[in-house]
Amino acid sequence: MEETSSKASVDKLQEMMEIRKQDHELKKADFEMKDKLNKQHMLETLLAKKEPLSEIEVALKNKLISDMLS
């Protein structure tokens, strides 16, 4: 009887670990998508500026474009 209970506990733990792994993968994908959207928004903001960009802004713009193309 105790062996069956132990087996059920192990199975339950394995199931919980699998759910946690799937949750982690979803959160990772969500973070990556949000990061990509934030970078796109920053690039759009830089490209829409009317006044000339500072050196830092030009460097950021070039890095964002480079990252998007790679």
PDB file of N, CA and C in Angstrom:
ATOM      1  N   MET A   1       0.827  -1.186   0.000  1.00  0.00           N
ATOM      2  CA  MET A   1       0.000   0.000   0.000  1.00  0.00           C
ATOM      3  C   MET A   1       0.876   1.256   0.000  1.00  0.00           C
ATOM      4  N   GLU A   2       1.907   1.241   0.837  1.00  0.00           N
ATOM      5  CA  GLU A   2       2.788   2.399   0.940  1.00  0.00           C
ATOM      6  C   GLU A   2       3.538   2.624  -0.370  1.00  0.00           C
ATOM      7  N   GLU A   3       3.888   1.533  -1.057  1.00  0.00           N
ATOM      8  CA  GLU A   3       4.595   1.629  -2.337  1.00  0.00           C
ATOM      9  C   GLU A   3       3.715   2.309  -3.380  1.00  0.00           C
ATOM     10  N   THR A   4       2.429   2.005  -3.410  1.00  0.00           N
ATOM     11  CA  THR A   4       1.490   2.627  -4.340  1.00  0.00           C
ATOM     12  C   THR A   4       1.363   4.116  -4.046  1.00  0.00           C
ATOM     13  N   SER A   5       1.285   4.457  -2.784  1.00  0.00           N
ATOM     14  CA  SER A   5       1.185   5.848  -2.374  1.00  0.00           C
ATOM     15  C   SER A   5       2.448   6.616  -2.770  1.00  0.00           C
ATOM     16  N   SER A   6       3.582   5.982  -2.597  1.00  0.00           N
ATOM     17  CA  SER A   6       4.859   6.593  -2.950  1.00  0.00           C
ATOM     18  C   SER A   6       4.940   6.808  -4.463  1.00  0.00           C
ATOM     19  N   LYS A   7       4.501   5.851  -5.229  1.00  0.00           N
ATOM     20  CA  LYS A   7       4.495   5.942  -6.692  1.00  0.00           C
ATOM     21  C   LYS A   7       3.582   7.080  -7.138  1.00  0.00           C
ATOM     22  N   ALA A   8       2.427   7.196  -6.510  1.00  0.00           N
ATOM     23  CA  ALA A   8       1.479   8.254  -6.842  1.00  0.00           C
ATOM     24  C   ALA A   8       2.093   9.619  -6.525  1.00  0.00           C
ATOM     25  N   SER A   9       2.809   9.710  -5.418  1.00  0.00           N
ATOM     26  CA  SER A   9       3.457  10.971  -5.045  1.00  0.00           C
ATOM     27  C   SER A   9       4.531  11.356  -6.055  1.00  0.00           C
ATOM     28  N   VAL A  10       5.310  10.379  -6.482  1.00  0.00           N
ATOM     29  CA  VAL A  10       6.352  10.630  -7.476  1.00  0.00           C
ATOM     30  C   VAL A  10       5.720  11.068  -8.789  1.00  0.00           C
ATOM     31  N   ASP A  11       4.675  10.396  -9.208  1.00  0.00           N
ATOM     32  CA  ASP A  11       3.978  10.765 -10.445  1.00  0.00           C
ATOM     33  C   ASP A  11       3.423  12.183 -10.354  1.00  0.00           C
ATOM     34  N   LYS A  12       2.851  12.511  -9.203  1.00  0.00           N
ATOM     35  CA  LYS A  12       2.287  13.851  -9.007  1.00  0.00           C
ATOM     36  C   LYS A  12       3.395  14.906  -9.064  1.00  0.00           C
ATOM     37  N   LEU A  13       4.528  14.624  -8.445  1.00  0.00           N
ATOM     38  CA  LEU A  13       5.657  15.556  -8.484  1.00  0.00           C
ATOM     39  C   LEU A  13       6.181  15.739  -9.912  1.00  0.00           C
ATOM     40  N   GLN A  14       6.263  14.660 -10.655  1.00  0.00           N
ATOM     41  CA  GLN A  14       6.730  14.753 -12.038  1.00  0.00           C
ATOM     42  C   GLN A  14       5.764  15.585 -12.875  1.00  0.00           C
ATOM     43  N   GLU A  15       4.488  15.394 -12.657  1.00  0.00           N
ATOM     44  CA  GLU A  15       3.471  16.171 -13.364  1.00  0.00           C
ATOM     45  C   GLU A  15       3.591  17.657 -13.024  1.00  0.00           C
ATOM     46  N   MET A  16       3.797  17.944 -11.739  1.00  0.00           N
ATOM     47  CA  MET A  16       3.943  19.334 -11.311  1.00  0.00           C
ATOM     48  C   MET A  16       5.198  19.971 -11.912  1.00  0.00           C
ATOM     49  N   MET A  17       6.277  19.211 -11.975  1.00  0.00           N
ATOM     50  CA  MET A  17       7.516  19.728 -12.564  1.00  0.00           C
ATOM     51  C   MET A  17       7.331  20.016 -14.056  1.00  0.00           C
ATOM     52  N   GLU A  18       6.598  19.181 -14.740  1.00  0.00           N
ATOM     53  CA  GLU A  18       6.333  19.387 -16.163  1.00  0.00           C
ATOM     54  C   GLU A  18       5.493  20.654 -16.376  1.00  0.00           C
ATOM     55  N   ILE A  19       4.502  20.851 -15.533  1.00  0.00           N
ATOM     56  CA  ILE A  19       3.668  22.061 -15.623  1.00  0.00           C
ATOM     57  C   ILE A  19       4.525  23.290 -15.369  1.00  0.00           C
ATOM     58  N   ARG A  20       5.401  23.211 -14.376  1.00  0.00           N
ATOM     59  CA  ARG A  20       6.290  24.334 -14.059  1.00  0.00           C
ATOM     60  C   ARG A  20       7.241  24.633 -15.213  1.00  0.00           C
ATOM     61  N   LYS A  21       7.731  23.592 -15.836  1.00  0.00           N
ATOM     62  CA  LYS A  21       8.625  23.751 -16.988  1.00  0.00           C
ATOM     63  C   LYS A  21       7.885  24.442 -18.139  1.00  0.00           C
ATOM     64  N   GLN A  22       6.668  24.019 -18.406  1.00  0.00           N
ATOM     65  CA  GLN A  22       5.867  24.638 -19.466  1.00  0.00           C
ATOM     66  C   GLN A  22       5.575  26.096 -19.127  1.00  0.00           C
ATOM     67  N   ASP A  23       5.268  26.374 -17.872  1.00  0.00           N
ATOM     68  CA  ASP A  23       5.003  27.746 -17.433  1.00  0.00           C
ATOM     69  C   ASP A  23       6.243  28.611 -17.640  1.00  0.00           C
ATOM     70  N   HIS A  24       7.386  28.070 -17.291  1.00  0.00           N
ATOM     71  CA  HIS A  24       8.647  28.803 -17.468  1.00  0.00           C
ATOM     72  C   HIS A  24       8.886  29.114 -18.947  1.00  0.00           C
ATOM     73  N   GLU A  25       8.658  28.153 -19.809  1.00  0.00           N
ATOM     74  CA  GLU A  25       8.850  28.358 -21.246  1.00  0.00           C
ATOM     75  C   GLU A  25       7.905  29.435 -21.781  1.00  0.00           C
ATOM     76  N   LEU A  26       6.668  29.438 -21.305  1.00  0.00           N
ATOM     77  CA  LEU A  26       5.712  30.459 -21.735  1.00  0.00           C
ATOM     78  C   LEU A  26       6.132  31.841 -21.258  1.00  0.00           C
ATOM     79  N   LYS A  27       6.577  31.927 -20.026  1.00  0.00           N
ATOM     80  CA  LYS A  27       7.029  33.215 -19.487  1.00  0.00           C
ATOM     81  C   LYS A  27       8.260  33.714 -20.231  1.00  0.00           C
ATOM     82  N   LYS A  28       9.149  32.811 -20.573  1.00  0.00           N
ATOM     83  CA  LYS A  28      10.351  33.175 -21.325  1.00  0.00           C
ATOM     84  C   LYS A  28       9.968  33.714 -22.706  1.00  0.00           C
ATOM     85  N   ALA A  29       9.059  33.042 -23.385  1.00  0.00           N
ATOM     86  CA  ALA A  29       8.600  33.499 -24.694  1.00  0.00           C
ATOM     87  C   ALA A  29       7.894  34.849 -24.595  1.00  0.00           C
ATOM     88  N   ASP A  30       7.105  35.015 -23.549  1.00  0.00           N
ATOM     89  CA  ASP A  30       6.405  36.285 -23.319  1.00  0.00           C
ATOM     90  C   ASP A  30       7.406  37.417 -23.098  1.00  0.00           C
ATOM     91  N   PHE A  31       8.420  37.173 -22.281  1.00  0.00           N
ATOM     92  CA  PHE A  31       9.448  38.180 -22.026  1.00  0.00           C
ATOM     93  C   PHE A  31      10.182  38.548 -23.302  1.00  0.00           C
ATOM     94  N   GLU A  32      10.532  37.547 -24.104  1.00  0.00           N
ATOM     95  CA  GLU A  32      11.246  37.807 -25.359  1.00  0.00           C
ATOM     96  C   GLU A  32      10.391  38.640 -26.313  1.00  0.00           C
ATOM     97  N   MET A  33       9.096  38.361 -26.372  1.00  0.00           N
ATOM     98  CA  MET A  33       8.206  39.121 -27.244  1.00  0.00           C
ATOM     99  C   MET A  33       8.080  40.561 -26.753  1.00  0.00           C
ATOM    100  N   LYS A  34       7.927  40.750 -25.443  1.00  0.00           N
ATOM    101  CA  LYS A  34       7.831  42.106 -24.889  1.00  0.00           C
ATOM    102  C   LYS A  34       9.119  42.878 -25.137  1.00  0.00           C
ATOM    103  N   ASP A  35      10.257  42.218 -25.000  1.00  0.00           N
ATOM    104  CA  ASP A  35      11.543  42.858 -25.244  1.00  0.00           C
ATOM    105  C   ASP A  35      11.649  43.305 -26.705  1.00  0.00           C
ATOM    106  N   LYS A  36      11.227  42.446 -27.601  1.00  0.00           N
ATOM    107  CA  LYS A  36      11.261  42.768 -29.032  1.00  0.00           C
ATOM    108  C   LYS A  36      10.344  43.958 -29.338  1.00  0.00           C
ATOM    109  N   LEU A  37       9.161  43.961 -28.764  1.00  0.00           N
ATOM    110  CA  LEU A  37       8.227  45.070 -28.978  1.00  0.00           C
ATOM    111  C   LEU A  37       8.760  46.381 -28.415  1.00  0.00           C
ATOM    112  N   ASN A  38       9.400  46.319 -27.252  1.00  0.00           N
ATOM    113  CA  ASN A  38       9.993  47.524 -26.664  1.00  0.00           C
ATOM    114  C   ASN A  38      11.089  48.085 -27.564  1.00  0.00           C
ATOM    115  N   LYS A  39      11.910  47.209 -28.118  1.00  0.00           N
ATOM    116  CA  LYS A  39      12.978  47.652 -29.014  1.00  0.00           C
ATOM    117  C   LYS A  39      12.396  48.257 -30.288  1.00  0.00           C
ATOM    118  N   GLN A  40      11.346  47.653 -30.818  1.00  0.00           N
ATOM    119  CA  GLN A  40      10.692  48.202 -32.009  1.00  0.00           C
ATOM    120  C   GLN A  40      10.129  49.593 -31.716  1.00  0.00           C
ATOM    121  N   HIS A  41       9.533  49.746 -30.555  1.00  0.00           N
ATOM    122  CA  HIS A  41       8.966  51.046 -30.182  1.00  0.00           C
ATOM    123  C   HIS A  41      10.066  52.100 -30.045  1.00  0.00           C
ATOM    124  N   MET A  42      11.183  51.733 -29.418  1.00  0.00           N
ATOM    125  CA  MET A  42      12.299  52.671 -29.299  1.00  0.00           C
ATOM    126  C   MET A  42      12.797  53.094 -30.673  1.00  0.00           C
ATOM    127  N   LEU A  43      12.925  52.124 -31.587  1.00  0.00           N
ATOM    128  CA  LEU A  43      13.390  52.437 -32.935  1.00  0.00           C
ATOM    129  C   LEU A  43      12.404  53.347 -33.653  1.00  0.00           C
ATOM    130  N   GLU A  44      11.130  53.046 -33.552  1.00  0.00           N
ATOM    131  CA  GLU A  44      10.108  53.894 -34.177  1.00  0.00           C
ATOM    132  C   GLU A  44      10.182  55.323 -33.639  1.00  0.00           C
ATOM    133  N   THR A  45      10.396  55.455 -32.334  1.00  0.00           N
ATOM    134  CA  THR A  45      10.502  56.780 -31.714  1.00  0.00           C
ATOM    135  C   THR A  45      11.709  57.536 -32.265  1.00  0.00           C
ATOM    136  N   LEU A  46      12.837  56.843 -32.371  1.00  0.00           N
ATOM    137  CA  LEU A  46      14.038  57.486 -32.902  1.00  0.00           C
ATOM    138  C   LEU A  46      13.859  57.883 -34.362  1.00  0.00           C
ATOM    139  N   LEU A  47      13.234  57.020 -35.149  1.00  0.00           N
ATOM    140  CA  LEU A  47      13.043  57.314 -36.569  1.00  0.00           C
ATOM    141  C   LEU A  47      12.045  58.446 -36.791  1.00  0.00           C
ATOM    142  N   ALA A  48      11.129  58.631 -35.871  1.00  0.00           N
ATOM    143  CA  ALA A  48      10.089  59.656 -36.017  1.00  0.00           C
ATOM    144  C   ALA A  48      10.544  61.037 -35.542  1.00  0.00           C
ATOM    145  N   LYS A  49      11.693  61.107 -34.873  1.00  0.00           N
ATOM    146  CA  LYS A  49      12.159  62.397 -34.352  1.00  0.00           C
ATOM    147  C   LYS A  49      12.419  63.369 -35.500  1.00  0.00           C
ATOM    148  N   LYS A  50      11.959  64.586 -35.333  1.00  0.00           N
ATOM    149  CA  LYS A  50      12.134  65.633 -36.346  1.00  0.00           C
ATOM    150  C   LYS A  50      13.530  66.258 -36.255  1.00  0.00           C
ATOM    151  N   GLU A  51      13.986  66.512 -35.025  1.00  0.00           N
ATOM    152  CA  GLU A  51      15.287  67.142 -34.848  1.00  0.00           C
ATOM    153  C   GLU A  51      16.398  66.111 -35.021  1.00  0.00           C
ATOM    154  N   PRO A  52      17.613  66.578 -35.304  1.00  0.00           N
ATOM    155  CA  PRO A  52      18.735  65.640 -35.483  1.00  0.00           C
ATOM    156  C   PRO A  52      18.972  64.811 -34.221  1.00  0.00           C
ATOM    157  N   LEU A  53      19.408  63.590 -34.422  1.00  0.00           N
ATOM    158  CA  LEU A  53      19.678  62.689 -33.298  1.00  0.00           C
ATOM    159  C   LEU A  53      21.056  62.972 -32.710  1.00  0.00           C
ATOM    160  N   SER A  54      21.160  62.797 -31.405  1.00  0.00           N
ATOM    161  CA  SER A  54      22.466  62.918 -30.749  1.00  0.00           C
ATOM    162  C   SER A  54      23.308  61.696 -31.124  1.00  0.00           C
ATOM    163  N   GLU A  55      24.583  61.737 -30.784  1.00  0.00           N
ATOM    164  CA  GLU A  55      25.472  60.603 -31.089  1.00  0.00           C
ATOM    165  C   GLU A  55      24.975  59.326 -30.418  1.00  0.00           C
ATOM    166  N   ILE A  56      24.524  59.457 -29.199  1.00  0.00           N
ATOM    167  CA  ILE A  56      24.029  58.293 -28.457  1.00  0.00           C
ATOM    168  C   ILE A  56      22.773  57.733 -29.132  1.00  0.00           C
ATOM    169  N   GLU A  57      21.890  58.618 -29.553  1.00  0.00           N
ATOM    170  CA  GLU A  57      20.660  58.175 -30.219  1.00  0.00           C
ATOM    171  C   GLU A  57      20.969  57.501 -31.553  1.00  0.00           C
ATOM    172  N   VAL A  58      21.941  58.024 -32.295  1.00  0.00           N
ATOM    173  CA  VAL A  58      22.339  57.411 -33.565  1.00  0.00           C
ATOM    174  C   VAL A  58      22.916  56.018 -33.303  1.00  0.00           C
ATOM    175  N   ALA A  59      23.762  55.910 -32.279  1.00  0.00           N
ATOM    176  CA  ALA A  59      24.348  54.614 -31.938  1.00  0.00           C
ATOM    177  C   ALA A  59      23.262  53.619 -31.531  1.00  0.00           C
ATOM    178  N   LEU A  60      22.302  54.075 -30.735  1.00  0.00           N
ATOM    179  CA  LEU A  60      21.198  53.207 -30.323  1.00  0.00           C
ATOM    180  C   LEU A  60      20.369  52.783 -31.530  1.00  0.00           C
ATOM    181  N   LYS A  61      20.065  53.743 -32.398  1.00  0.00           N
ATOM    182  CA  LYS A  61      19.284  53.439 -33.601  1.00  0.00           C
ATOM    183  C   LYS A  61      19.998  52.376 -34.443  1.00  0.00           C
ATOM    184  N   ASN A  62      21.294  52.563 -34.651  1.00  0.00           N
ATOM    185  CA  ASN A  62      22.063  51.598 -35.449  1.00  0.00           C
ATOM    186  C   ASN A  62      22.109  50.223 -34.789  1.00  0.00           C
ATOM    187  N   LYS A  63      22.233  50.190 -33.468  1.00  0.00           N
ATOM    188  CA  LYS A  63      22.246  48.905 -32.756  1.00  0.00           C
ATOM    189  C   LYS A  63      20.893  48.212 -32.858  1.00  0.00           C
ATOM    190  N   LEU A  64      19.821  48.966 -32.704  1.00  0.00           N
ATOM    191  CA  LEU A  64      18.484  48.375 -32.795  1.00  0.00           C
ATOM    192  C   LEU A  64      18.232  47.819 -34.194  1.00  0.00           C
ATOM    193  N   ILE A  65      18.638  48.566 -35.204  1.00  0.00           N
ATOM    194  CA  ILE A  65      18.470  48.085 -36.584  1.00  0.00           C
ATOM    195  C   ILE A  65      19.299  46.829 -36.800  1.00  0.00           C
ATOM    196  N   SER A  66      20.530  46.847 -36.334  1.00  0.00           N
ATOM    197  CA  SER A  66      21.408  45.689 -36.470  1.00  0.00           C
ATOM    198  C   SER A  66      20.822  44.458 -35.777  1.00  0.00           C
ATOM    199  N   ASP A  67      20.303  44.661 -34.567  1.00  0.00           N
ATOM    200  CA  ASP A  67      19.699  43.553 -33.818  1.00  0.00           C
ATOM    201  C   ASP A  67      18.477  42.983 -34.540  1.00  0.00           C
ATOM    202  N   MET A  68      17.691  43.870 -35.142  1.00  0.00           N
ATOM    203  CA  MET A  68      16.486  43.407 -35.824  1.00  0.00           C
ATOM    204  C   MET A  68      16.814  42.607 -37.088  1.00  0.00           C
ATOM    205  N   LEU A  69      17.921  42.952 -37.728  1.00  0.00           N
ATOM    206  CA  LEU A  69      18.295  42.282 -38.978  1.00  0.00           C
ATOM    207  C   LEU A  69      19.060  40.986 -38.751  1.00  0.00           C
ATOM    208  N   SER A  70      19.527  40.768 -37.528  1.00  0.00           N
ATOM    209  CA  SER A  70      20.289  39.541 -37.274  1.00  0.00           C
ATOM    210  C   SER A  70      19.435  38.437 -36.718  1.00  0.00           C
TER     211      SER A  70
END
